[in-house]
Amino acid sequence: MGKKKGEYGLLLIPCNSVHTFFMRYNLDAVFLDKNNKIISIKRLIKPFSLVPPVPKARKVLEFPSSIHATTYMNTEDQISFYSDQE
């Protein structure tokens, strides 16, 4: 928050809604169910906005709209998460 631009995404757990209060750039939000399936994508969320709760969403991936991370994502797509930490 408060930065003029973003360079990476953020995974919020548990989460089913987002706000962009105090943000200074547009966000894209990818809403995931408990199995990491995309159930909704909200693009170009303007600063100081509120996205109401998305039913059945358990996680939200947020990306700065400027990095175009959601360009090839669609609802019903499955997301996989990997960790290099063991």
N, C-alpha and C. Protein backbone atom coordinates (compact mmCIF):
# COMPACT_ATOMS: atom_id res chain seq x y z
N MET A 1 0.84 -1.19 0.00
CA MET A 1 0.00 0.00 0.00
C MET A 1 0.89 1.25 0.00
N GLY A 2 0.42 2.26 -0.66
CA GLY A 2 1.12 3.51 -0.70
C GLY A 2 2.22 3.60 -1.75
N LYS A 3 2.62 2.45 -2.34
CA LYS A 3 3.64 2.48 -3.38
C LYS A 3 3.04 3.01 -4.68
N LYS A 4 3.88 3.62 -5.49
CA LYS A 4 3.41 4.18 -6.75
C LYS A 4 3.21 3.11 -7.82
N LYS A 5 3.91 1.97 -7.72
CA LYS A 5 3.68 0.87 -8.65
C LYS A 5 4.05 -0.43 -7.98
N GLY A 6 3.46 -1.52 -8.49
CA GLY A 6 3.73 -2.83 -7.93
C GLY A 6 4.48 -3.69 -8.94
N GLU A 7 5.20 -4.69 -8.42
CA GLU A 7 6.01 -5.54 -9.28
C GLU A 7 5.78 -7.02 -9.06
N TYR A 8 4.90 -7.40 -8.14
CA TYR A 8 4.70 -8.80 -7.83
C TYR A 8 3.29 -9.02 -7.32
N GLY A 9 2.90 -10.30 -7.18
CA GLY A 9 1.58 -10.63 -6.69
C GLY A 9 1.57 -10.94 -5.21
N LEU A 10 0.36 -11.10 -4.69
CA LEU A 10 0.17 -11.39 -3.27
C LEU A 10 -0.97 -12.38 -3.14
N LEU A 11 -0.76 -13.46 -2.38
CA LEU A 11 -1.81 -14.45 -2.12
C LEU A 11 -2.38 -14.18 -0.73
N LEU A 12 -3.68 -13.99 -0.65
CA LEU A 12 -4.36 -13.73 0.61
C LEU A 12 -5.21 -14.95 0.99
N ILE A 13 -4.94 -15.51 2.18
CA ILE A 13 -5.66 -16.68 2.68
C ILE A 13 -5.99 -16.46 4.14
N PRO A 14 -7.17 -16.69 4.62
CA PRO A 14 -8.43 -16.83 3.88
C PRO A 14 -8.91 -15.46 3.42
N CYS A 15 -9.57 -15.42 2.30
CA CYS A 15 -10.03 -14.15 1.76
C CYS A 15 -11.08 -14.40 0.69
N ASN A 16 -12.13 -13.57 0.66
CA ASN A 16 -13.13 -13.67 -0.40
C ASN A 16 -13.57 -12.30 -0.94
N SER A 17 -12.92 -11.23 -0.48
CA SER A 17 -13.19 -9.89 -1.00
C SER A 17 -11.92 -9.06 -0.83
N VAL A 18 -11.83 -7.97 -1.58
CA VAL A 18 -10.65 -7.11 -1.47
C VAL A 18 -11.05 -5.65 -1.51
N HIS A 19 -10.15 -4.83 -1.00
CA HIS A 19 -10.32 -3.38 -1.14
C HIS A 19 -9.00 -2.82 -1.64
N THR A 20 -9.07 -1.65 -2.23
CA THR A 20 -7.85 -1.00 -2.71
C THR A 20 -7.67 0.35 -2.04
N PHE A 21 -8.15 0.46 -0.80
CA PHE A 21 -7.94 1.69 -0.05
C PHE A 21 -6.44 1.91 0.13
N PHE A 22 -6.01 3.12 -0.09
CA PHE A 22 -4.62 3.54 0.07
C PHE A 22 -3.68 2.97 -1.01
N MET A 23 -4.25 2.32 -2.03
CA MET A 23 -3.44 1.87 -3.16
C MET A 23 -3.28 3.02 -4.12
N ARG A 24 -2.21 3.00 -4.90
CA ARG A 24 -1.97 4.08 -5.84
C ARG A 24 -1.94 3.59 -7.29
N TYR A 25 -2.35 2.34 -7.49
CA TYR A 25 -2.39 1.78 -8.85
C TYR A 25 -3.52 0.75 -8.93
N ASN A 26 -3.93 0.42 -10.14
CA ASN A 26 -5.00 -0.56 -10.36
C ASN A 26 -4.51 -1.97 -10.04
N LEU A 27 -5.44 -2.79 -9.55
CA LEU A 27 -5.15 -4.19 -9.23
C LEU A 27 -6.02 -5.12 -10.06
N ASP A 28 -5.51 -6.33 -10.29
CA ASP A 28 -6.31 -7.44 -10.79
C ASP A 28 -6.42 -8.43 -9.63
N ALA A 29 -7.59 -9.02 -9.45
CA ALA A 29 -7.79 -9.98 -8.36
C ALA A 29 -8.35 -11.28 -8.93
N VAL A 30 -7.73 -12.39 -8.55
CA VAL A 30 -8.14 -13.72 -8.99
C VAL A 30 -8.68 -14.44 -7.75
N PHE A 31 -9.97 -14.76 -7.77
CA PHE A 31 -10.63 -15.41 -6.64
C PHE A 31 -10.63 -16.92 -6.86
N LEU A 32 -10.12 -17.65 -5.84
CA LEU A 32 -9.96 -19.10 -5.94
C LEU A 32 -10.84 -19.81 -4.92
N ASP A 33 -11.31 -21.00 -5.30
CA ASP A 33 -12.07 -21.81 -4.34
C ASP A 33 -11.09 -22.63 -3.50
N LYS A 34 -11.61 -23.54 -2.68
CA LYS A 34 -10.74 -24.32 -1.77
C LYS A 34 -9.78 -25.24 -2.52
N ASN A 35 -10.09 -25.55 -3.79
CA ASN A 35 -9.23 -26.42 -4.60
C ASN A 35 -8.36 -25.64 -5.58
N ASN A 36 -8.26 -24.34 -5.40
CA ASN A 36 -7.46 -23.44 -6.24
C ASN A 36 -7.97 -23.32 -7.67
N LYS A 37 -9.26 -23.52 -7.85
CA LYS A 37 -9.87 -23.29 -9.15
C LYS A 37 -10.34 -21.84 -9.20
N ILE A 38 -10.09 -21.18 -10.33
CA ILE A 38 -10.50 -19.78 -10.48
C ILE A 38 -12.02 -19.71 -10.61
N ILE A 39 -12.64 -18.94 -9.71
CA ILE A 39 -14.09 -18.79 -9.80
C ILE A 39 -14.50 -17.39 -10.23
N SER A 40 -13.57 -16.44 -10.15
CA SER A 40 -13.87 -15.08 -10.60
C SER A 40 -12.56 -14.32 -10.80
N ILE A 41 -12.55 -13.44 -11.81
CA ILE A 41 -11.41 -12.56 -12.04
C ILE A 41 -11.96 -11.15 -12.16
N LYS A 42 -11.43 -10.26 -11.35
CA LYS A 42 -11.79 -8.84 -11.42
C LYS A 42 -10.55 -8.10 -11.91
N ARG A 43 -10.69 -7.40 -13.01
CA ARG A 43 -9.55 -6.70 -13.62
C ARG A 43 -9.71 -5.19 -13.47
N LEU A 44 -8.58 -4.51 -13.41
CA LEU A 44 -8.52 -3.05 -13.36
C LEU A 44 -9.35 -2.45 -12.22
N ILE A 45 -9.15 -2.98 -11.02
CA ILE A 45 -9.81 -2.44 -9.84
C ILE A 45 -9.10 -1.14 -9.48
N LYS A 46 -9.82 -0.06 -9.49
CA LYS A 46 -9.24 1.26 -9.26
C LYS A 46 -8.91 1.47 -7.78
N PRO A 47 -7.93 2.34 -7.51
CA PRO A 47 -7.62 2.67 -6.11
C PRO A 47 -8.86 3.19 -5.36
N PHE A 48 -8.89 2.91 -4.08
CA PHE A 48 -9.97 3.31 -3.18
C PHE A 48 -11.31 2.69 -3.56
N SER A 49 -11.26 1.43 -4.04
CA SER A 49 -12.47 0.68 -4.40
C SER A 49 -12.66 -0.49 -3.45
N LEU A 50 -13.85 -1.06 -3.50
CA LEU A 50 -14.19 -2.24 -2.70
C LEU A 50 -14.82 -3.28 -3.62
N VAL A 51 -14.29 -4.50 -3.58
CA VAL A 51 -14.88 -5.61 -4.31
C VAL A 51 -15.65 -6.44 -3.29
N PRO A 52 -16.97 -6.59 -3.49
CA PRO A 52 -17.76 -7.34 -2.51
C PRO A 52 -17.34 -8.82 -2.46
N PRO A 53 -17.72 -9.52 -1.39
CA PRO A 53 -17.36 -10.93 -1.26
C PRO A 53 -17.83 -11.75 -2.46
N VAL A 54 -16.96 -12.69 -2.87
CA VAL A 54 -17.27 -13.61 -3.96
C VAL A 54 -17.66 -14.94 -3.30
N PRO A 55 -18.90 -15.39 -3.51
CA PRO A 55 -19.34 -16.65 -2.90
C PRO A 55 -18.40 -17.81 -3.26
N LYS A 56 -18.09 -18.63 -2.29
CA LYS A 56 -17.24 -19.81 -2.40
C LYS A 56 -15.76 -19.51 -2.57
N ALA A 57 -15.37 -18.26 -2.63
CA ALA A 57 -13.94 -17.92 -2.71
C ALA A 57 -13.29 -18.14 -1.35
N ARG A 58 -12.10 -18.72 -1.37
CA ARG A 58 -11.34 -18.98 -0.14
C ARG A 58 -9.99 -18.26 -0.15
N LYS A 59 -9.52 -17.90 -1.36
CA LYS A 59 -8.21 -17.27 -1.52
C LYS A 59 -8.32 -16.22 -2.61
N VAL A 60 -7.45 -15.22 -2.54
CA VAL A 60 -7.38 -14.20 -3.59
C VAL A 60 -5.93 -13.96 -3.94
N LEU A 61 -5.65 -14.00 -5.25
CA LEU A 61 -4.36 -13.59 -5.77
C LEU A 61 -4.51 -12.17 -6.29
N GLU A 62 -3.69 -11.26 -5.80
CA GLU A 62 -3.73 -9.87 -6.27
C GLU A 62 -2.48 -9.58 -7.07
N PHE A 63 -2.65 -8.90 -8.18
CA PHE A 63 -1.53 -8.49 -9.02
C PHE A 63 -1.73 -7.05 -9.45
N PRO A 64 -0.66 -6.27 -9.60
CA PRO A 64 -0.81 -4.96 -10.22
C PRO A 64 -1.30 -5.16 -11.66
N SER A 65 -2.29 -4.42 -12.08
CA SER A 65 -2.81 -4.57 -13.44
C SER A 65 -1.72 -4.36 -14.49
N SER A 66 -0.74 -3.56 -14.16
CA SER A 66 0.32 -3.20 -15.12
C SER A 66 1.20 -4.38 -15.53
N ILE A 67 1.25 -5.47 -14.73
CA ILE A 67 2.11 -6.59 -15.11
C ILE A 67 1.37 -7.64 -15.94
N HIS A 68 0.08 -7.44 -16.17
CA HIS A 68 -0.73 -8.29 -17.06
C HIS A 68 -0.68 -9.77 -16.66
N ALA A 69 -0.62 -10.07 -15.39
CA ALA A 69 -0.53 -11.45 -14.91
C ALA A 69 -1.79 -12.26 -15.21
N THR A 70 -2.93 -11.60 -15.34
CA THR A 70 -4.18 -12.33 -15.54
C THR A 70 -4.58 -12.46 -17.01
N THR A 71 -3.71 -12.03 -17.92
CA THR A 71 -4.05 -12.01 -19.33
C THR A 71 -4.57 -13.34 -19.86
N TYR A 72 -3.92 -14.42 -19.50
CA TYR A 72 -4.31 -15.73 -20.02
C TYR A 72 -5.03 -16.60 -19.00
N MET A 73 -5.50 -16.00 -17.92
CA MET A 73 -6.26 -16.74 -16.92
C MET A 73 -7.75 -16.64 -17.24
N ASN A 74 -8.47 -17.73 -16.97
CA ASN A 74 -9.90 -17.76 -17.20
C ASN A 74 -10.58 -18.47 -16.03
N THR A 75 -11.86 -18.17 -15.83
CA THR A 75 -12.59 -18.91 -14.81
C THR A 75 -12.58 -20.39 -15.16
N GLU A 76 -12.59 -21.22 -14.15
CA GLU A 76 -12.50 -22.68 -14.24
C GLU A 76 -11.07 -23.19 -14.41
N ASP A 77 -10.09 -22.30 -14.67
CA ASP A 77 -8.69 -22.74 -14.71
C ASP A 77 -8.27 -23.16 -13.32
N GLN A 78 -7.35 -24.11 -13.25
CA GLN A 78 -6.80 -24.59 -11.98
C GLN A 78 -5.43 -23.96 -11.78
N ILE A 79 -5.16 -23.43 -10.59
CA ILE A 79 -3.88 -22.84 -10.25
C ILE A 79 -3.10 -23.82 -9.38
N SER A 80 -1.81 -23.97 -9.66
CA SER A 80 -0.94 -24.81 -8.83
C SER A 80 0.09 -23.92 -8.15
N PHE A 81 0.34 -24.19 -6.89
CA PHE A 81 1.32 -23.45 -6.12
C PHE A 81 2.47 -24.37 -5.76
N TYR A 82 3.69 -23.87 -5.89
CA TYR A 82 4.87 -24.63 -5.57
C TYR A 82 5.74 -23.82 -4.62
N SER A 83 6.45 -24.52 -3.78
CA SER A 83 7.37 -23.86 -2.86
C SER A 83 8.75 -24.48 -3.04
N ASP A 84 9.77 -23.65 -3.02
CA ASP A 84 11.13 -24.17 -3.09
C ASP A 84 11.70 -24.43 -1.69
N GLN A 85 10.89 -24.19 -0.67
CA GLN A 85 11.31 -24.45 0.70
C GLN A 85 10.86 -25.84 1.10
N GLU A 86 11.74 -26.57 1.76
CA GLU A 86 11.37 -27.92 2.20
C GLU A 86 11.40 -28.02 3.70
